[in-house]
Amino acid sequence: MLVVLIGTVILHLLDLILLLISTSVSAWRTFNSKSYDLWYDCIAKNGKYECQDAGNAAWLQAVQGLMILATIFCLLSLIIFIWQLFTMNKGGRFFFTAIFQILSSLFVMSGAIIYTVMRPEDQDDGHLFGFAFVLAWLAFPLTLISGLIYIILRKKE
């Protein structure tokens, strides 16, 4: 049972790290020396980065909000899990933790879908999705699996 708990906590921490990186790193979309983010559009010139705000488009603000919510819900889910681990009766299930984790996965999925569909129109064949975008999509199934594990998991002595 201890191995399952440790594995679940490691998976949860991995989810949280993926969400933090994908929300904060400037690499959702790249083109040569330019990188586009949820927050800034940057270009590398002479070894220095020059950044400007990404814009005020409503869809971009929705993606920003959803990614922040996903990260917050994942962190709250971890805190609730640790709290339930020490206070819950024997045989209880981690439903409250599972709800927060599944909501986190739905938020990250919604944000990634919105970004996929509504990305800026200035793209041509040279634009590629960056690693932060890939990490956001990778965080979705891992967070969902983690939430489903919490539904199945029971506390034992």
N, C-alpha and C. Protein backbone atom coordinates (compact mmCIF):
# COMPACT_ATOMS: atom_id res chain seq x y z
N MET A 1 0.82 -1.19 0.00
CA MET A 1 0.00 0.00 0.00
C MET A 1 0.87 1.26 0.00
N LEU A 2 1.98 1.20 0.71
CA LEU A 2 2.88 2.34 0.77
C LEU A 2 3.44 2.66 -0.62
N VAL A 3 3.72 1.64 -1.41
CA VAL A 3 4.26 1.84 -2.75
C VAL A 3 3.22 2.55 -3.63
N VAL A 4 1.96 2.18 -3.49
CA VAL A 4 0.89 2.81 -4.27
C VAL A 4 0.75 4.28 -3.88
N LEU A 5 0.81 4.58 -2.59
CA LEU A 5 0.72 5.96 -2.14
C LEU A 5 1.90 6.79 -2.63
N ILE A 6 3.09 6.24 -2.55
CA ILE A 6 4.27 6.96 -3.02
C ILE A 6 4.18 7.19 -4.53
N GLY A 7 3.76 6.17 -5.27
CA GLY A 7 3.59 6.31 -6.71
C GLY A 7 2.56 7.36 -7.07
N THR A 8 1.46 7.40 -6.33
CA THR A 8 0.41 8.38 -6.57
C THR A 8 0.90 9.79 -6.29
N VAL A 9 1.64 9.96 -5.21
CA VAL A 9 2.18 11.29 -4.88
C VAL A 9 3.20 11.72 -5.92
N ILE A 10 4.04 10.81 -6.39
CA ILE A 10 5.02 11.15 -7.42
C ILE A 10 4.32 11.55 -8.72
N LEU A 11 3.28 10.81 -9.11
CA LEU A 11 2.51 11.16 -10.29
C LEU A 11 1.86 12.53 -10.14
N HIS A 12 1.34 12.80 -8.96
CA HIS A 12 0.70 14.09 -8.69
C HIS A 12 1.73 15.23 -8.77
N LEU A 13 2.90 15.02 -8.19
CA LEU A 13 3.95 16.04 -8.26
C LEU A 13 4.42 16.25 -9.70
N LEU A 14 4.49 15.18 -10.48
CA LEU A 14 4.84 15.30 -11.89
C LEU A 14 3.80 16.13 -12.63
N ASP A 15 2.52 15.88 -12.34
CA ASP A 15 1.44 16.67 -12.95
C ASP A 15 1.60 18.15 -12.60
N LEU A 16 1.87 18.43 -11.35
CA LEU A 16 2.00 19.81 -10.90
C LEU A 16 3.20 20.50 -11.57
N ILE A 17 4.30 19.79 -11.68
CA ILE A 17 5.48 20.35 -12.34
C ILE A 17 5.20 20.62 -13.81
N LEU A 18 4.55 19.68 -14.50
CA LEU A 18 4.21 19.89 -15.91
C LEU A 18 3.30 21.10 -16.09
N LEU A 19 2.33 21.26 -15.20
CA LEU A 19 1.42 22.40 -15.30
C LEU A 19 2.15 23.72 -15.03
N LEU A 20 3.03 23.74 -14.04
CA LEU A 20 3.78 24.96 -13.75
C LEU A 20 4.68 25.35 -14.93
N ILE A 21 5.37 24.38 -15.50
CA ILE A 21 6.26 24.68 -16.62
C ILE A 21 5.46 25.14 -17.83
N SER A 22 4.40 24.42 -18.17
CA SER A 22 3.64 24.78 -19.37
C SER A 22 2.93 26.12 -19.23
N THR A 23 2.60 26.51 -18.02
CA THR A 23 1.94 27.80 -17.82
C THR A 23 2.92 28.95 -17.87
N SER A 24 4.14 28.74 -17.44
CA SER A 24 5.07 29.87 -17.29
C SER A 24 6.13 30.00 -18.37
N VAL A 25 6.46 28.95 -19.10
CA VAL A 25 7.56 29.00 -20.05
C VAL A 25 7.10 29.59 -21.38
N SER A 26 7.98 30.36 -21.99
CA SER A 26 7.66 31.04 -23.25
C SER A 26 7.98 30.15 -24.44
N ALA A 27 7.22 29.11 -24.64
CA ALA A 27 7.46 28.23 -25.78
C ALA A 27 6.20 27.48 -26.17
N TRP A 28 5.09 28.18 -26.28
CA TRP A 28 3.88 27.52 -26.74
C TRP A 28 3.88 27.43 -28.26
N ARG A 29 4.56 28.37 -28.89
CA ARG A 29 4.67 28.37 -30.34
C ARG A 29 6.01 29.00 -30.68
N THR A 30 6.72 28.44 -31.67
CA THR A 30 8.03 28.95 -32.02
C THR A 30 8.14 29.17 -33.53
N PHE A 31 9.02 30.10 -33.91
CA PHE A 31 9.33 30.35 -35.30
C PHE A 31 10.72 30.95 -35.36
N ASN A 32 11.69 30.19 -35.86
CA ASN A 32 13.09 30.61 -35.92
C ASN A 32 13.55 31.11 -34.56
N SER A 33 13.85 32.40 -34.41
CA SER A 33 14.33 32.93 -33.14
C SER A 33 13.22 33.55 -32.31
N LYS A 34 11.98 33.38 -32.75
CA LYS A 34 10.84 33.93 -32.01
C LYS A 34 10.17 32.83 -31.20
N SER A 35 9.66 33.20 -30.04
CA SER A 35 8.87 32.26 -29.24
C SER A 35 7.64 33.00 -28.73
N TYR A 36 6.53 32.30 -28.74
CA TYR A 36 5.26 32.89 -28.34
C TYR A 36 4.75 32.14 -27.13
N ASP A 37 4.19 32.88 -26.22
CA ASP A 37 3.78 32.34 -24.93
C ASP A 37 2.37 32.79 -24.63
N LEU A 38 1.86 32.35 -23.51
CA LEU A 38 0.58 32.85 -23.02
C LEU A 38 0.73 34.28 -22.53
N TRP A 39 1.93 34.67 -22.15
CA TRP A 39 2.14 35.97 -21.52
C TRP A 39 2.94 36.93 -22.38
N TYR A 40 3.98 36.44 -23.07
CA TYR A 40 4.88 37.31 -23.84
C TYR A 40 5.20 36.70 -25.20
N ASP A 41 5.49 37.57 -26.15
CA ASP A 41 6.05 37.18 -27.44
C ASP A 41 7.49 37.68 -27.43
N CYS A 42 8.44 36.78 -27.61
CA CYS A 42 9.86 37.14 -27.49
C CYS A 42 10.60 36.85 -28.79
N ILE A 43 11.65 37.63 -29.00
CA ILE A 43 12.55 37.40 -30.14
C ILE A 43 13.98 37.51 -29.62
N ALA A 44 14.84 36.63 -30.10
CA ALA A 44 16.25 36.64 -29.71
C ALA A 44 17.03 37.49 -30.71
N LYS A 45 17.68 38.55 -30.20
CA LYS A 45 18.51 39.42 -31.03
C LYS A 45 19.85 39.60 -30.34
N ASN A 46 20.91 39.23 -31.01
CA ASN A 46 22.27 39.40 -30.50
C ASN A 46 22.45 38.79 -29.11
N GLY A 47 21.88 37.62 -28.89
CA GLY A 47 22.03 36.93 -27.61
C GLY A 47 21.13 37.42 -26.50
N LYS A 48 20.27 38.41 -26.78
CA LYS A 48 19.35 38.92 -25.77
C LYS A 48 17.92 38.73 -26.25
N TYR A 49 17.05 38.57 -25.29
CA TYR A 49 15.63 38.43 -25.61
C TYR A 49 14.93 39.77 -25.46
N GLU A 50 14.15 40.11 -26.47
CA GLU A 50 13.29 41.28 -26.41
C GLU A 50 11.86 40.77 -26.40
N CYS A 51 11.14 41.11 -25.36
CA CYS A 51 9.78 40.58 -25.19
C CYS A 51 8.76 41.71 -25.15
N GLN A 52 7.57 41.39 -25.61
CA GLN A 52 6.44 42.31 -25.51
C GLN A 52 5.22 41.51 -25.08
N ASP A 53 4.21 42.20 -24.59
CA ASP A 53 3.00 41.52 -24.14
C ASP A 53 2.38 40.71 -25.28
N ALA A 54 1.79 39.58 -24.91
CA ALA A 54 1.20 38.70 -25.92
C ALA A 54 -0.07 39.26 -26.53
N GLY A 55 -0.71 40.16 -25.85
CA GLY A 55 -1.94 40.75 -26.39
C GLY A 55 -3.09 40.58 -25.43
N ASN A 56 -4.22 41.16 -25.79
CA ASN A 56 -5.40 41.14 -24.93
C ASN A 56 -6.56 40.40 -25.57
N ALA A 57 -6.29 39.48 -26.47
CA ALA A 57 -7.37 38.74 -27.10
C ALA A 57 -8.14 37.94 -26.05
N ALA A 58 -9.43 37.89 -26.20
CA ALA A 58 -10.27 37.20 -25.22
C ALA A 58 -9.93 35.72 -25.13
N TRP A 59 -9.63 35.09 -26.25
CA TRP A 59 -9.31 33.67 -26.23
C TRP A 59 -8.00 33.41 -25.48
N LEU A 60 -7.03 34.33 -25.63
CA LEU A 60 -5.75 34.17 -24.94
C LEU A 60 -5.92 34.35 -23.43
N GLN A 61 -6.76 35.28 -23.04
CA GLN A 61 -7.04 35.46 -21.61
C GLN A 61 -7.77 34.25 -21.05
N ALA A 62 -8.62 33.62 -21.86
CA ALA A 62 -9.30 32.39 -21.41
C ALA A 62 -8.29 31.27 -21.19
N VAL A 63 -7.33 31.14 -22.11
CA VAL A 63 -6.30 30.11 -21.96
C VAL A 63 -5.44 30.39 -20.73
N GLN A 64 -5.07 31.65 -20.53
CA GLN A 64 -4.30 32.02 -19.35
C GLN A 64 -5.05 31.65 -18.07
N GLY A 65 -6.32 32.01 -18.01
CA GLY A 65 -7.12 31.71 -16.82
C GLY A 65 -7.28 30.23 -16.59
N LEU A 66 -7.52 29.48 -17.65
CA LEU A 66 -7.70 28.03 -17.50
C LEU A 66 -6.42 27.34 -17.05
N MET A 67 -5.28 27.78 -17.57
CA MET A 67 -4.02 27.16 -17.15
C MET A 67 -3.70 27.51 -15.69
N ILE A 68 -4.00 28.73 -15.29
CA ILE A 68 -3.80 29.10 -13.88
C ILE A 68 -4.74 28.29 -12.99
N LEU A 69 -5.99 28.16 -13.38
CA LEU A 69 -6.94 27.36 -12.60
C LEU A 69 -6.50 25.90 -12.52
N ALA A 70 -6.01 25.35 -13.62
CA ALA A 70 -5.55 23.96 -13.61
C ALA A 70 -4.41 23.78 -12.61
N THR A 71 -3.48 24.72 -12.60
CA THR A 71 -2.35 24.63 -11.67
C THR A 71 -2.80 24.78 -10.22
N ILE A 72 -3.69 25.72 -9.97
CA ILE A 72 -4.19 25.93 -8.61
C ILE A 72 -4.98 24.71 -8.13
N PHE A 73 -5.84 24.17 -8.98
CA PHE A 73 -6.63 23.00 -8.57
C PHE A 73 -5.75 21.79 -8.35
N CYS A 74 -4.69 21.63 -9.13
CA CYS A 74 -3.76 20.52 -8.93
C CYS A 74 -3.03 20.66 -7.60
N LEU A 75 -2.60 21.88 -7.28
CA LEU A 75 -1.94 22.12 -6.00
C LEU A 75 -2.90 21.90 -4.83
N LEU A 76 -4.12 22.43 -4.95
CA LEU A 76 -5.12 22.21 -3.89
C LEU A 76 -5.44 20.73 -3.72
N SER A 77 -5.48 20.02 -4.83
CA SER A 77 -5.74 18.58 -4.77
C SER A 77 -4.65 17.86 -3.99
N LEU A 78 -3.40 18.24 -4.19
CA LEU A 78 -2.31 17.62 -3.44
C LEU A 78 -2.40 17.94 -1.95
N ILE A 79 -2.72 19.18 -1.63
CA ILE A 79 -2.87 19.58 -0.22
C ILE A 79 -4.04 18.83 0.42
N ILE A 80 -5.15 18.72 -0.29
CA ILE A 80 -6.32 18.01 0.24
C ILE A 80 -6.00 16.52 0.42
N PHE A 81 -5.25 15.93 -0.53
CA PHE A 81 -4.87 14.53 -0.41
C PHE A 81 -4.06 14.28 0.86
N ILE A 82 -3.07 15.12 1.09
CA ILE A 82 -2.24 14.95 2.29
C ILE A 82 -3.09 15.14 3.55
N TRP A 83 -4.00 16.12 3.54
CA TRP A 83 -4.88 16.34 4.68
C TRP A 83 -5.79 15.12 4.89
N GLN A 84 -6.39 14.60 3.82
CA GLN A 84 -7.26 13.43 3.95
C GLN A 84 -6.49 12.20 4.39
N LEU A 85 -5.26 12.11 3.97
CA LEU A 85 -4.44 10.95 4.33
C LEU A 85 -4.27 10.83 5.84
N PHE A 86 -4.21 11.96 6.53
CA PHE A 86 -4.00 11.94 7.97
C PHE A 86 -5.29 12.05 8.77
N THR A 87 -6.39 12.48 8.16
CA THR A 87 -7.62 12.69 8.93
C THR A 87 -8.75 11.74 8.58
N MET A 88 -8.70 11.08 7.44
CA MET A 88 -9.80 10.24 6.99
C MET A 88 -9.81 8.90 7.74
N ASN A 89 -11.01 8.36 7.92
CA ASN A 89 -11.16 7.06 8.57
C ASN A 89 -10.67 5.94 7.66
N LYS A 90 -10.33 4.81 8.28
CA LYS A 90 -9.88 3.64 7.53
C LYS A 90 -10.99 3.20 6.58
N GLY A 91 -10.60 2.88 5.34
CA GLY A 91 -11.56 2.42 4.33
C GLY A 91 -12.18 3.54 3.50
N GLY A 92 -11.89 4.78 3.84
CA GLY A 92 -12.46 5.91 3.10
C GLY A 92 -11.78 6.10 1.75
N ARG A 93 -12.50 6.73 0.85
CA ARG A 93 -11.95 7.02 -0.48
C ARG A 93 -11.65 8.50 -0.60
N PHE A 94 -10.78 8.83 -1.52
CA PHE A 94 -10.31 10.19 -1.70
C PHE A 94 -11.13 10.92 -2.77
N PHE A 95 -12.46 10.96 -2.58
CA PHE A 95 -13.33 11.55 -3.59
C PHE A 95 -13.09 13.05 -3.77
N PHE A 96 -12.92 13.77 -2.67
CA PHE A 96 -12.73 15.22 -2.75
C PHE A 96 -11.45 15.55 -3.51
N THR A 97 -10.39 14.81 -3.25
CA THR A 97 -9.13 14.97 -3.96
C THR A 97 -9.32 14.66 -5.44
N ALA A 98 -10.04 13.60 -5.74
CA ALA A 98 -10.28 13.19 -7.12
C ALA A 98 -11.05 14.25 -7.89
N ILE A 99 -12.04 14.86 -7.26
CA ILE A 99 -12.83 15.90 -7.94
C ILE A 99 -11.95 17.07 -8.34
N PHE A 100 -11.10 17.52 -7.42
CA PHE A 100 -10.22 18.64 -7.73
C PHE A 100 -9.22 18.27 -8.84
N GLN A 101 -8.71 17.06 -8.81
CA GLN A 101 -7.73 16.64 -9.81
C GLN A 101 -8.38 16.49 -11.19
N ILE A 102 -9.57 15.95 -11.24
CA ILE A 102 -10.28 15.81 -12.52
C ILE A 102 -10.65 17.18 -13.06
N LEU A 103 -11.06 18.11 -12.20
CA LEU A 103 -11.33 19.47 -12.65
C LEU A 103 -10.06 20.11 -13.22
N SER A 104 -8.94 19.86 -12.59
CA SER A 104 -7.67 20.38 -13.09
C SER A 104 -7.39 19.84 -14.50
N SER A 105 -7.64 18.56 -14.70
CA SER A 105 -7.40 17.98 -16.04
C SER A 105 -8.35 18.57 -17.07
N LEU A 106 -9.59 18.84 -16.69
CA LEU A 106 -10.54 19.45 -17.63
C LEU A 106 -10.14 20.88 -17.97
N PHE A 107 -9.61 21.62 -16.99
CA PHE A 107 -9.16 22.99 -17.25
C PHE A 107 -7.98 23.01 -18.22
N VAL A 108 -7.00 22.14 -18.00
CA VAL A 108 -5.83 22.14 -18.89
C VAL A 108 -6.23 21.67 -20.29
N MET A 109 -7.14 20.71 -20.39
CA MET A 109 -7.61 20.27 -21.69
C MET A 109 -8.32 21.39 -22.42
N SER A 110 -9.19 22.11 -21.72
CA SER A 110 -9.93 23.21 -22.34
C SER A 110 -8.98 24.32 -22.81
N GLY A 111 -8.00 24.66 -21.98
CA GLY A 111 -7.04 25.68 -22.37
C GLY A 111 -6.22 25.28 -23.59
N ALA A 112 -5.78 24.04 -23.63
CA ALA A 112 -4.99 23.57 -24.77
C ALA A 112 -5.84 23.51 -26.04
N ILE A 113 -7.09 23.12 -25.92
CA ILE A 113 -7.98 23.09 -27.09
C ILE A 113 -8.21 24.50 -27.62
N ILE A 114 -8.48 25.43 -26.73
CA ILE A 114 -8.71 26.82 -27.16
C ILE A 114 -7.46 27.35 -27.86
N TYR A 115 -6.28 27.09 -27.31
CA TYR A 115 -5.05 27.57 -27.94
C TYR A 115 -4.85 26.91 -29.30
N THR A 116 -5.16 25.63 -29.42
CA THR A 116 -5.00 24.92 -30.68
C THR A 116 -5.90 25.51 -31.76
N VAL A 117 -7.13 25.80 -31.40
CA VAL A 117 -8.10 26.27 -32.38
C VAL A 117 -7.93 27.75 -32.69
N MET A 118 -7.62 28.56 -31.69
CA MET A 118 -7.64 30.02 -31.84
C MET A 118 -6.26 30.66 -31.93
N ARG A 119 -5.21 29.91 -32.20
CA ARG A 119 -3.88 30.49 -32.25
C ARG A 119 -3.85 31.67 -33.23
N PRO A 120 -2.91 32.57 -33.06
CA PRO A 120 -2.87 33.77 -33.91
C PRO A 120 -2.83 33.46 -35.40
N GLU A 121 -3.38 34.36 -36.17
CA GLU A 121 -3.51 34.16 -37.61
C GLU A 121 -2.22 34.38 -38.38
N ASP A 122 -1.18 34.91 -37.73
CA ASP A 122 0.04 35.24 -38.45
C ASP A 122 0.93 34.02 -38.71
N GLN A 123 0.36 32.85 -38.61
CA GLN A 123 1.16 31.65 -38.81
C GLN A 123 1.32 31.33 -40.28
N ASP A 124 2.48 30.82 -40.61
CA ASP A 124 2.71 30.22 -41.92
C ASP A 124 3.33 28.85 -41.68
N ASP A 125 3.90 28.28 -42.70
CA ASP A 125 4.41 26.91 -42.58
C ASP A 125 5.58 26.76 -41.60
N GLY A 126 6.26 27.85 -41.27
CA GLY A 126 7.42 27.76 -40.40
C GLY A 126 7.10 27.72 -38.92
N HIS A 127 5.88 28.03 -38.52
CA HIS A 127 5.52 28.06 -37.11
C HIS A 127 5.29 26.64 -36.60
N LEU A 128 5.84 26.38 -35.42
CA LEU A 128 5.69 25.08 -34.79
C LEU A 128 5.16 25.26 -33.37
N PHE A 129 4.46 24.26 -32.87
CA PHE A 129 4.07 24.29 -31.48
C PHE A 129 5.29 23.97 -30.64
N GLY A 130 5.46 24.69 -29.54
CA GLY A 130 6.63 24.53 -28.70
C GLY A 130 6.45 23.46 -27.64
N PHE A 131 7.50 23.26 -26.86
CA PHE A 131 7.48 22.18 -25.87
C PHE A 131 6.51 22.46 -24.72
N ALA A 132 6.26 23.73 -24.40
CA ALA A 132 5.32 24.04 -23.32
C ALA A 132 3.90 23.64 -23.72
N PHE A 133 3.57 23.80 -24.98
CA PHE A 133 2.27 23.37 -25.50
C PHE A 133 2.14 21.84 -25.40
N VAL A 134 3.23 21.15 -25.76
CA VAL A 134 3.23 19.69 -25.68
C VAL A 134 3.11 19.24 -24.22
N LEU A 135 3.80 19.94 -23.31
CA LEU A 135 3.71 19.59 -21.89
C LEU A 135 2.29 19.80 -21.36
N ALA A 136 1.60 20.83 -21.85
CA ALA A 136 0.21 21.05 -21.43
C ALA A 136 -0.66 19.87 -21.88
N TRP A 137 -0.47 19.42 -23.11
CA TRP A 137 -1.24 18.26 -23.58
C TRP A 137 -0.84 16.98 -22.84
N LEU A 138 0.42 16.87 -22.48
CA LEU A 138 0.86 15.70 -21.71
C LEU A 138 0.31 15.73 -20.29
N ALA A 139 0.17 16.92 -19.73
CA ALA A 139 -0.37 17.05 -18.37
C ALA A 139 -1.83 16.63 -18.30
N PHE A 140 -2.57 16.80 -19.39
CA PHE A 140 -3.99 16.45 -19.37
C PHE A 140 -4.23 14.97 -19.04
N PRO A 141 -3.70 14.00 -19.82
CA PRO A 141 -4.01 12.61 -19.48
C PRO A 141 -3.41 12.17 -18.14
N LEU A 142 -2.22 12.69 -17.81
CA LEU A 142 -1.62 12.30 -16.54
C LEU A 142 -2.44 12.81 -15.36
N THR A 143 -2.96 14.01 -15.46
CA THR A 143 -3.79 14.55 -14.39
C THR A 143 -5.12 13.80 -14.31
N LEU A 144 -5.68 13.45 -15.45
CA LEU A 144 -6.92 12.67 -15.46
C LEU A 144 -6.70 11.29 -14.85
N ILE A 145 -5.62 10.63 -15.22
CA ILE A 145 -5.30 9.31 -14.65
C ILE A 145 -5.10 9.42 -13.14
N SER A 146 -4.41 10.45 -12.72
CA SER A 146 -4.20 10.67 -11.29
C SER A 146 -5.54 10.84 -10.56
N GLY A 147 -6.44 11.61 -11.15
CA GLY A 147 -7.76 11.80 -10.55
C GLY A 147 -8.54 10.49 -10.47
N LEU A 148 -8.44 9.67 -11.50
CA LEU A 148 -9.14 8.38 -11.49
C LEU A 148 -8.52 7.43 -10.45
N ILE A 149 -7.22 7.51 -10.27
CA ILE A 149 -6.56 6.70 -9.23
C ILE A 149 -7.09 7.09 -7.86
N TYR A 150 -7.29 8.39 -7.64
CA TYR A 150 -7.80 8.84 -6.34
C TYR A 150 -9.22 8.33 -6.09
N ILE A 151 -10.02 8.16 -7.14
CA ILE A 151 -11.37 7.61 -6.96
C ILE A 151 -11.30 6.16 -6.49
N ILE A 152 -10.37 5.40 -7.05
CA ILE A 152 -10.24 3.98 -6.73
C ILE A 152 -9.54 3.76 -5.40
N LEU A 153 -8.60 4.62 -5.07
CA LEU A 153 -7.75 4.45 -3.89
C LEU A 153 -8.55 4.51 -2.58
N ARG A 154 -8.29 3.58 -1.69
CA ARG A 154 -8.88 3.56 -0.35
C ARG A 154 -7.78 3.69 0.69
N LYS A 155 -8.14 4.32 1.80
CA LYS A 155 -7.15 4.44 2.89
C LYS A 155 -7.15 3.16 3.70
N LYS A 156 -5.95 2.62 3.91
CA LYS A 156 -5.79 1.43 4.73
C LYS A 156 -4.77 1.73 5.80
N GLU A 157 -4.82 0.99 6.86
CA GLU A 157 -3.86 1.15 7.96
C GLU A 157 -2.56 0.48 7.67
